[in-house]
PDB file of N, CA and C in Angstrom:
ATOM      1  N   TYR A   1      85.336  66.995  88.133  1.00  0.00           N
ATOM      2  CA  TYR A   1      84.704  66.613  86.729  1.00  0.00           C
ATOM      3  C   TYR A   1      83.884  67.604  86.306  1.00  0.00           C
ATOM      4  N   GLU A   2      83.424  67.802  87.078  1.00  0.00           N
ATOM      5  CA  GLU A   2      81.808  69.091  87.060  1.00  0.00           C
ATOM      6  C   GLU A   2      83.124  70.450  87.030  1.00  0.00           C
ATOM      7  N   MET A   3      83.485  70.641  87.579  1.00  0.00           N
ATOM      8  CA  MET A   3      84.606  71.964  87.483  1.00  0.00           C
ATOM      9  C   MET A   3      85.193  71.898  86.423  1.00  0.00           C
ATOM     10  N   ALA A   4      85.745  70.986  85.653  1.00  0.00           N
ATOM     11  CA  ALA A   4      86.462  70.915  84.361  1.00  0.00           C
ATOM     12  C   ALA A   4      85.384  71.181  83.181  1.00  0.00           C
ATOM     13  N   GLY A   5      84.223  70.833  83.601  1.00  0.00           N
ATOM     14  CA  GLY A   5      83.071  70.897  82.390  1.00  0.00           C
ATOM     15  C   GLY A   5      82.744  72.571  82.419  1.00  0.00           C
ATOM     16  N   SER A   6      82.288  73.018  83.368  1.00  0.00           N
ATOM     17  CA  SER A   6      82.049  74.100  83.823  1.00  0.00           C
ATOM     18  C   SER A   6      83.550  75.345  83.269  1.00  0.00           C
ATOM     19  N   VAL A   7      84.578  74.932  83.062  1.00  0.00           N
ATOM     20  CA  VAL A   7      85.833  75.928  82.953  1.00  0.00           C
ATOM     21  C   VAL A   7      85.737  75.807  81.569  1.00  0.00           C
ATOM     22  N   ALA A   8      85.345  74.705  80.965  1.00  0.00           N
ATOM     23  CA  ALA A   8      85.349  74.839  79.193  1.00  0.00           C
ATOM     24  C   ALA A   8      83.876  75.442  78.758  1.00  0.00           C
ATOM     25  N   ASN A   9      82.990  75.090  79.511  1.00  0.00           N
ATOM     26  CA  ASN A   9      81.703  76.335  79.195  1.00  0.00           C
ATOM     27  C   ASN A   9      82.226  78.057  79.335  1.00  0.00           C
ATOM     28  N   LEU A  10      82.801  78.229  80.430  1.00  0.00           N
ATOM     29  CA  LEU A  10      82.790  79.551  80.425  1.00  0.00           C
ATOM     30  C   LEU A  10      83.919  80.153  79.475  1.00  0.00           C
ATOM     31  N   ASP A  11      85.051  79.224  79.405  1.00  0.00           N
ATOM     32  CA  ASP A  11      85.868  79.515  78.486  1.00  0.00           C
ATOM     33  C   ASP A  11      84.916  79.820  76.780  1.00  0.00           C
ATOM     34  N   MET A  12      84.530  78.768  76.691  1.00  0.00           N
ATOM     35  CA  MET A  12      83.728  78.928  75.220  1.00  0.00           C
ATOM     36  C   MET A  12      83.072  80.248  74.798  1.00  0.00           C
ATOM     37  N   LYS A  13      82.347  80.942  76.359  1.00  0.00           N
ATOM     38  CA  LYS A  13      81.515  81.613  76.404  1.00  0.00           C
ATOM     39  C   LYS A  13      82.105  82.778  76.278  1.00  0.00           C
ATOM     40  N   GLY A  14      83.078  82.798  77.086  1.00  0.00           N
ATOM     41  CA  GLY A  14      83.913  84.215  77.200  1.00  0.00           C
ATOM     42  C   GLY A  14      85.054  84.357  75.738  1.00  0.00           C
ATOM     43  N   CYS A  15      85.552  83.501  75.133  1.00  0.00           N
ATOM     44  CA  CYS A  15      86.180  83.629  73.913  1.00  0.00           C
ATOM     45  C   CYS A  15      85.773  83.556  72.678  1.00  0.00           C
ATOM     46  N   PHE A  16      84.236  83.264  72.370  1.00  0.00           N
ATOM     47  CA  PHE A  16      83.411  83.063  71.261  1.00  0.00           C
ATOM     48  C   PHE A  16      81.997  83.458  71.152  1.00  0.00           C
ATOM     49  N   MET A  17      81.698  83.799  72.506  1.00  0.00           N
ATOM     50  CA  MET A  17      80.119  84.470  72.628  1.00  0.00           C
ATOM     51  C   MET A  17      80.157  85.628  72.742  1.00  0.00           C
ATOM     52  N   THR A  18      81.367  86.279  73.504  1.00  0.00           N
ATOM     53  CA  THR A  18      81.100  87.350  74.291  1.00  0.00           C
ATOM     54  C   THR A  18      81.769  88.646  73.587  1.00  0.00           C
ATOM     55  N   LYS A  19      81.375  89.541  73.097  1.00  0.00           N
ATOM     56  CA  LYS A  19      82.244  90.800  72.603  1.00  0.00           C
ATOM     57  C   LYS A  19      82.722  92.079  73.646  1.00  0.00           C
ATOM     58  N   GLY A  20      83.457  92.189  73.541  1.00  0.00           N
ATOM     59  CA  GLY A  20      84.403  93.104  74.180  1.00  0.00           C
ATOM     60  C   GLY A  20      85.172  92.723  75.294  1.00  0.00           C
ATOM     61  N   PHE A  21      86.345  92.935  75.364  1.00  0.00           N
ATOM     62  CA  PHE A  21      87.129  92.263  76.638  1.00  0.00           C
ATOM     63  C   PHE A  21      86.614  92.460  77.935  1.00  0.00           C
ATOM     64  N   GLU A  22      85.746  93.983  78.185  1.00  0.00           N
ATOM     65  CA  GLU A  22      85.638  94.160  79.617  1.00  0.00           C
ATOM     66  C   GLU A  22      84.547  92.821  79.817  1.00  0.00           C
ATOM     67  N   ASN A  23      84.002  92.505  78.802  1.00  0.00           N
ATOM     68  CA  ASN A  23      82.954  91.501  79.298  1.00  0.00           C
ATOM     69  C   ASN A  23      83.441  90.132  79.449  1.00  0.00           C
ATOM     70  N   PHE A  24      84.371  89.670  78.377  1.00  0.00           N
ATOM     71  CA  PHE A  24      84.672  88.424  78.304  1.00  0.00           C
ATOM     72  C   PHE A  24      86.328  88.113  79.246  1.00  0.00           C
ATOM     73  N   ILE A  25      86.554  89.149  79.500  1.00  0.00           N
ATOM     74  CA  ILE A  25      87.841  89.065  80.339  1.00  0.00           C
ATOM     75  C   ILE A  25      87.681  88.420  81.766  1.00  0.00           C
ATOM     76  N   PRO A  26      86.366  88.541  82.432  1.00  0.00           N
ATOM     77  CA  PRO A  26      85.691  88.612  83.783  1.00  0.00           C
ATOM     78  C   PRO A  26      85.550  86.766  83.410  1.00  0.00           C
ATOM     79  N   LEU A  27      85.203  86.231  82.335  1.00  0.00           N
ATOM     80  CA  LEU A  27      84.366  85.407  82.361  1.00  0.00           C
ATOM     81  C   LEU A  27      85.720  84.113  82.094  1.00  0.00           C
ATOM     82  N   VAL A  28      86.701  84.886  81.640  1.00  0.00           N
ATOM     83  CA  VAL A  28      88.186  83.749  81.374  1.00  0.00           C
ATOM     84  C   VAL A  28      88.771  83.675  82.057  1.00  0.00           C
ATOM     85  N   ALA A  29      88.832  84.632  83.469  1.00  0.00           N
ATOM     86  CA  ALA A  29      89.744  84.792  84.411  1.00  0.00           C
ATOM     87  C   ALA A  29      88.990  83.456  85.240  1.00  0.00           C
ATOM     88  N   ALA A  30      87.420  83.632  85.461  1.00  0.00           N
ATOM     89  CA  ALA A  30      86.683  82.981  86.320  1.00  0.00           C
ATOM     90  C   ALA A  30      87.067  81.580  86.000  1.00  0.00           C
ATOM     91  N   ALA A  31      87.525  81.153  84.866  1.00  0.00           N
ATOM     92  CA  ALA A  31      87.441  79.891  84.417  1.00  0.00           C
ATOM     93  C   ALA A  31      88.690  79.574  85.004  1.00  0.00           C
ATOM     94  N   HIS A  32      89.671  80.301  84.655  1.00  0.00           N
ATOM     95  CA  HIS A  32      91.117  80.025  85.196  1.00  0.00           C
ATOM     96  C   HIS A  32      91.018  79.369  86.572  1.00  0.00           C
ATOM     97  N   GLU A  33      90.298  80.838  87.415  1.00  0.00           N
ATOM     98  CA  GLU A  33      90.021  80.093  88.758  1.00  0.00           C
ATOM     99  C   GLU A  33      89.632  79.204  89.260  1.00  0.00           C
ATOM    100  N   ILE A  34      88.836  78.457  88.282  1.00  0.00           N
ATOM    101  CA  ILE A  34      87.970  77.295  88.598  1.00  0.00           C
ATOM    102  C   ILE A  34      88.617  76.259  88.369  1.00  0.00           C
ATOM    103  N   ALA A  35      89.688  76.297  87.210  1.00  0.00           N
ATOM    104  CA  ALA A  35      90.629  75.068  86.937  1.00  0.00           C
ATOM    105  C   ALA A  35      91.701  75.017  87.968  1.00  0.00           C
ATOM    106  N   ALA A  36      92.250  76.115  88.491  1.00  0.00           N
ATOM    107  CA  ALA A  36      92.937  76.012  89.333  1.00  0.00           C
ATOM    108  C   ALA A  36      92.597  75.405  90.951  1.00  0.00           C
ATOM    109  N   ALA A  37      91.551  75.631  91.174  1.00  0.00           N
ATOM    110  CA  ALA A  37      90.707  74.849  92.374  1.00  0.00           C
ATOM    111  C   ALA A  37      90.319  73.567  92.230  1.00  0.00           C
ATOM    112  N   ALA A  38      90.115  73.185  91.057  1.00  0.00           N
ATOM    113  CA  ALA A  38      90.009  71.698  90.729  1.00  0.00           C
ATOM    114  C   ALA A  38      91.290  71.219  90.548  1.00  0.00           C
ATOM    115  N   ALA A  39      92.468  71.722  90.399  1.00  0.00           N
ATOM    116  CA  ALA A  39      93.504  71.075  90.343  1.00  0.00           C
ATOM    117  C   ALA A  39      93.815  70.670  91.790  1.00  0.00           C
ATOM    118  N   LYS A  40      93.440  71.710  92.615  1.00  0.00           N
ATOM    119  CA  LYS A  40      93.845  71.364  94.029  1.00  0.00           C
ATOM    120  C   LYS A  40      93.435  70.556  94.328  1.00  0.00           C
ATOM    121  N   LEU A  41      92.038  70.512  94.699  1.00  0.00           N
ATOM    122  CA  LEU A  41      90.982  69.417  94.806  1.00  0.00           C
ATOM    123  C   LEU A  41      91.769  68.141  94.448  1.00  0.00           C
ATOM    124  N   ALA A  42      91.838  68.148  93.214  1.00  0.00           N
ATOM    125  CA  ALA A  42      92.457  66.649  92.854  1.00  0.00           C
ATOM    126  C   ALA A  42      93.467  66.229  93.597  1.00  0.00           C
ATOM    127  N   GLN A  43      94.452  66.977  93.456  1.00  0.00           N
ATOM    128  CA  GLN A  43      95.823  66.834  94.138  1.00  0.00           C
ATOM    129  C   GLN A  43      95.269  66.494  95.719  1.00  0.00           C
ATOM    130  N   GLU A  44      94.760  67.007  96.455  1.00  0.00           N
ATOM    131  CA  GLU A  44      94.195  66.737  97.652  1.00  0.00           C
ATOM    132  C   GLU A  44      93.609  65.285  97.652  1.00  0.00           C
ATOM    133  N   ALA A  45      92.986  65.273  96.925  1.00  0.00           N
ATOM    134  CA  ALA A  45      92.531  63.736  96.860  1.00  0.00           C
ATOM    135  C   ALA A  45      92.965  62.378  96.542  1.00  0.00           C
ATOM    136  N   ARG A  46      94.139  62.626  95.691  1.00  0.00           N
ATOM    137  CA  ARG A  46      95.528  61.784  95.417  1.00  0.00           C
ATOM    138  C   ARG A  46      96.087  61.442  96.597  1.00  0.00           C
ATOM    139  N   GLU A  47      96.233  62.504  97.382  1.00  0.00           N
ATOM    140  CA  GLU A  47      97.282  62.526  98.709  1.00  0.00           C
ATOM    141  C   GLU A  47      96.349  61.772  99.530  1.00  0.00           C
ATOM    142  N   LEU A  48      95.025  62.111  99.504  1.00  0.00           N
ATOM    143  CA  LEU A  48      94.279  61.121 100.486  1.00  0.00           C
ATOM    144  C   LEU A  48      94.355  59.526 100.027  1.00  0.00           C
ATOM    145  N   GLU A  49      94.034  59.120  98.694  1.00  0.00           N
ATOM    146  CA  GLU A  49      94.192  57.876  98.349  1.00  0.00           C
ATOM    147  C   GLU A  49      95.523  57.253  98.733  1.00  0.00           C
ATOM    148  N   LYS A  50      96.640  58.132  98.691  1.00  0.00           N
ATOM    149  CA  LYS A  50      97.900  57.470  98.406  1.00  0.00           C
ATOM    150  C   LYS A  50      98.042  57.124 100.049  1.00  0.00           C
ATOM    151  N   SER A  51      97.615  57.938 101.038  1.00  0.00           N
ATOM    152  CA  SER A  51      98.064  57.552 102.235  1.00  0.00           C
ATOM    153  C   SER A  51      97.051  56.575 102.747  1.00  0.00           C
ATOM    154  N   ASN A  52      96.039  56.434 101.929  1.00  0.00           N
ATOM    155  CA  ASN A  52      94.979  55.173 102.743  1.00  0.00           C
ATOM    156  C   ASN A  52      95.633  53.773 101.463  1.00  0.00           C
ATOM    157  N   ASP A  53      96.541  54.229 100.573  1.00  0.00           N
ATOM    158  CA  ASP A  53      97.008  53.152  99.749  1.00  0.00           C
ATOM    159  C   ASP A  53      95.799  52.523  99.030  1.00  0.00           C
ATOM    160  N   THR A  54      94.758  53.624  98.607  1.00  0.00           N
ATOM    161  CA  THR A  54      94.271  53.014  97.859  1.00  0.00           C
ATOM    162  C   THR A  54      93.956  53.606  96.393  1.00  0.00           C
ATOM    163  N   VAL A  55      95.059  53.849  95.664  1.00  0.00           N
ATOM    164  CA  VAL A  55      95.116  54.550  94.357  1.00  0.00           C
ATOM    165  C   VAL A  55      95.387  53.350  93.633  1.00  0.00           C
ATOM    166  N   LEU A  56      94.476  53.485  92.629  1.00  0.00           N
ATOM    167  CA  LEU A  56      94.406  52.202  91.395  1.00  0.00           C
ATOM    168  C   LEU A  56      95.696  52.947  90.248  1.00  0.00           C
ATOM    169  N   ARG A  57      96.631  51.775  90.172  1.00  0.00           N
ATOM    170  CA  ARG A  57      97.383  51.578  89.790  1.00  0.00           C
ATOM    171  C   ARG A  57      97.221  50.725  88.269  1.00  0.00           C
ATOM    172  N   THR A  58      98.154  51.103  87.253  1.00  0.00           N
ATOM    173  CA  THR A  58      97.377  50.179  85.920  1.00  0.00           C
ATOM    174  C   THR A  58      98.895  49.840  85.460  1.00  0.00           C
ATOM    175  N   PRO A  59      99.825  49.240  85.998  1.00  0.00           N
ATOM    176  CA  PRO A  59     100.863  48.886  85.202  1.00  0.00           C
ATOM    177  C   PRO A  59     100.759  48.100  84.176  1.00  0.00           C
ATOM    178  N   HIS A  60     101.490  48.485  82.994  1.00  0.00           N
ATOM    179  CA  HIS A  60     101.762  47.302  81.652  1.00  0.00           C
ATOM    180  C   HIS A  60     102.106  46.036  82.282  1.00  0.00           C
ATOM    181  N   MET A  61     101.726  45.356  81.856  1.00  0.00           N
ATOM    182  CA  MET A  61     102.483  43.495  81.783  1.00  0.00           C
ATOM    183  C   MET A  61     102.894  43.437  80.903  1.00  0.00           C
ATOM    184  N   LYS A  62     104.017  42.073  81.040  1.00  0.00           N
ATOM    185  CA  LYS A  62     104.729  42.146  79.779  1.00  0.00           C
ATOM    186  C   LYS A  62     104.135  41.693  78.542  1.00  0.00           C
ATOM    187  N   GLU A  63     102.805  40.983  78.717  1.00  0.00           N
ATOM    188  CA  GLU A  63     101.761  40.319  77.265  1.00  0.00           C
ATOM    189  C   GLU A  63     101.499  42.012  76.565  1.00  0.00           C
ATOM    190  N   GLY A  64     101.701  42.851  77.232  1.00  0.00           N
ATOM    191  CA  GLY A  64     101.242  44.255  76.921  1.00  0.00           C
ATOM    192  C   GLY A  64      99.930  44.969  77.642  1.00  0.00           C
ATOM    193  N   ASN A  65      99.137  44.223  78.084  1.00  0.00           N
ATOM    194  CA  ASN A  65      97.832  44.692  78.405  1.00  0.00           C
ATOM    195  C   ASN A  65      98.127  45.164  79.953  1.00  0.00           C
ATOM    196  N   PRO A  66      97.158  46.070  80.362  1.00  0.00           N
ATOM    197  CA  PRO A  66      97.568  47.008  81.480  1.00  0.00           C
ATOM    198  C   PRO A  66      96.636  45.743  82.774  1.00  0.00           C
ATOM    199  N   GLY A  67      97.670  45.824  83.668  1.00  0.00           N
ATOM    200  CA  GLY A  67      97.341  45.308  84.988  1.00  0.00           C
ATOM    201  C   GLY A  67      96.509  46.189  86.011  1.00  0.00           C
ATOM    202  N   ARG A  68      96.196  45.586  87.391  1.00  0.00           N
ATOM    203  CA  ARG A  68      95.311  46.610  88.088  1.00  0.00           C
ATOM    204  C   ARG A  68      96.099  46.349  89.316  1.00  0.00           C
ATOM    205  N   LYS A  69      96.304  46.957  90.278  1.00  0.00           N
ATOM    206  CA  LYS A  69      96.505  46.592  91.600  1.00  0.00           C
ATOM    207  C   LYS A  69      95.990  48.102  92.243  1.00  0.00           C
ATOM    208  N   THR A  70      96.082  48.091  93.483  1.00  0.00           N
ATOM    209  CA  THR A  70      95.823  49.641  94.450  1.00  0.00           C
ATOM    210  C   THR A  70      96.945  49.262  95.579  1.00  0.00           C
ATOM    211  N   ASP A  71      97.607  48.399  95.812  1.00  0.00           N
ATOM    212  CA  ASP A  71      98.510  48.426  96.965  1.00  0.00           C
ATOM    213  C   ASP A  71      99.574  48.699  96.206  1.00  0.00           C
ATOM    214  N   LEU A  72     100.437  49.511  96.722  1.00  0.00           N
ATOM    215  CA  LEU A  72     101.398  49.899  96.264  1.00  0.00           C
ATOM    216  C   LEU A  72     102.793  49.061  96.216  1.00  0.00           C
ATOM    217  N   ILE A  73     102.880  47.870  97.554  1.00  0.00           N
ATOM    218  CA  ILE A  73     103.713  46.879  97.165  1.00  0.00           C
ATOM    219  C   ILE A  73     102.849  45.575  97.316  1.00  0.00           C
ATOM    220  N   SER A  74     102.436  45.092  95.906  1.00  0.00           N
ATOM    221  CA  SER A  74     101.661  44.242  95.653  1.00  0.00           C
ATOM    222  C   SER A  74     102.177  43.771  94.070  1.00  0.00           C
ATOM    223  N   LYS A  75     101.576  42.371  93.681  1.00  0.00           N
ATOM    224  CA  LYS A  75     101.524  41.996  92.374  1.00  0.00           C
ATOM    225  C   LYS A  75     100.512  42.669  91.614  1.00  0.00           C
ATOM    226  N   PRO A  76     100.548  43.127  90.277  1.00  0.00           N
ATOM    227  CA  PRO A  76      99.336  43.239  89.760  1.00  0.00           C
ATOM    228  C   PRO A  76      98.028  42.413  89.125  1.00  0.00           C
ATOM    229  N   GLU A  77      97.436  42.353  89.154  1.00  0.00           N
ATOM    230  CA  GLU A  77      96.377  41.333  88.320  1.00  0.00           C
ATOM    231  C   GLU A  77      96.666  41.497  87.101  1.00  0.00           C
TER     232      GLU A  77
END
């Protein structure tokens, strides 16, 4: 979450507050690298949650409201 916030801040600074491409290109490139690292960490965390069967799943119920469950093979509450 914090990494995503820093991406937004760097992009804003690079795109709107910095003059000259030699100055803003490194900022935007750094933001891109942070976004890629954040995505990789999020995927690793999701794989850990899946292997422990602790992913929060929120399927829609017949009534239209979202259900909640963490076990893959279980009925939602």
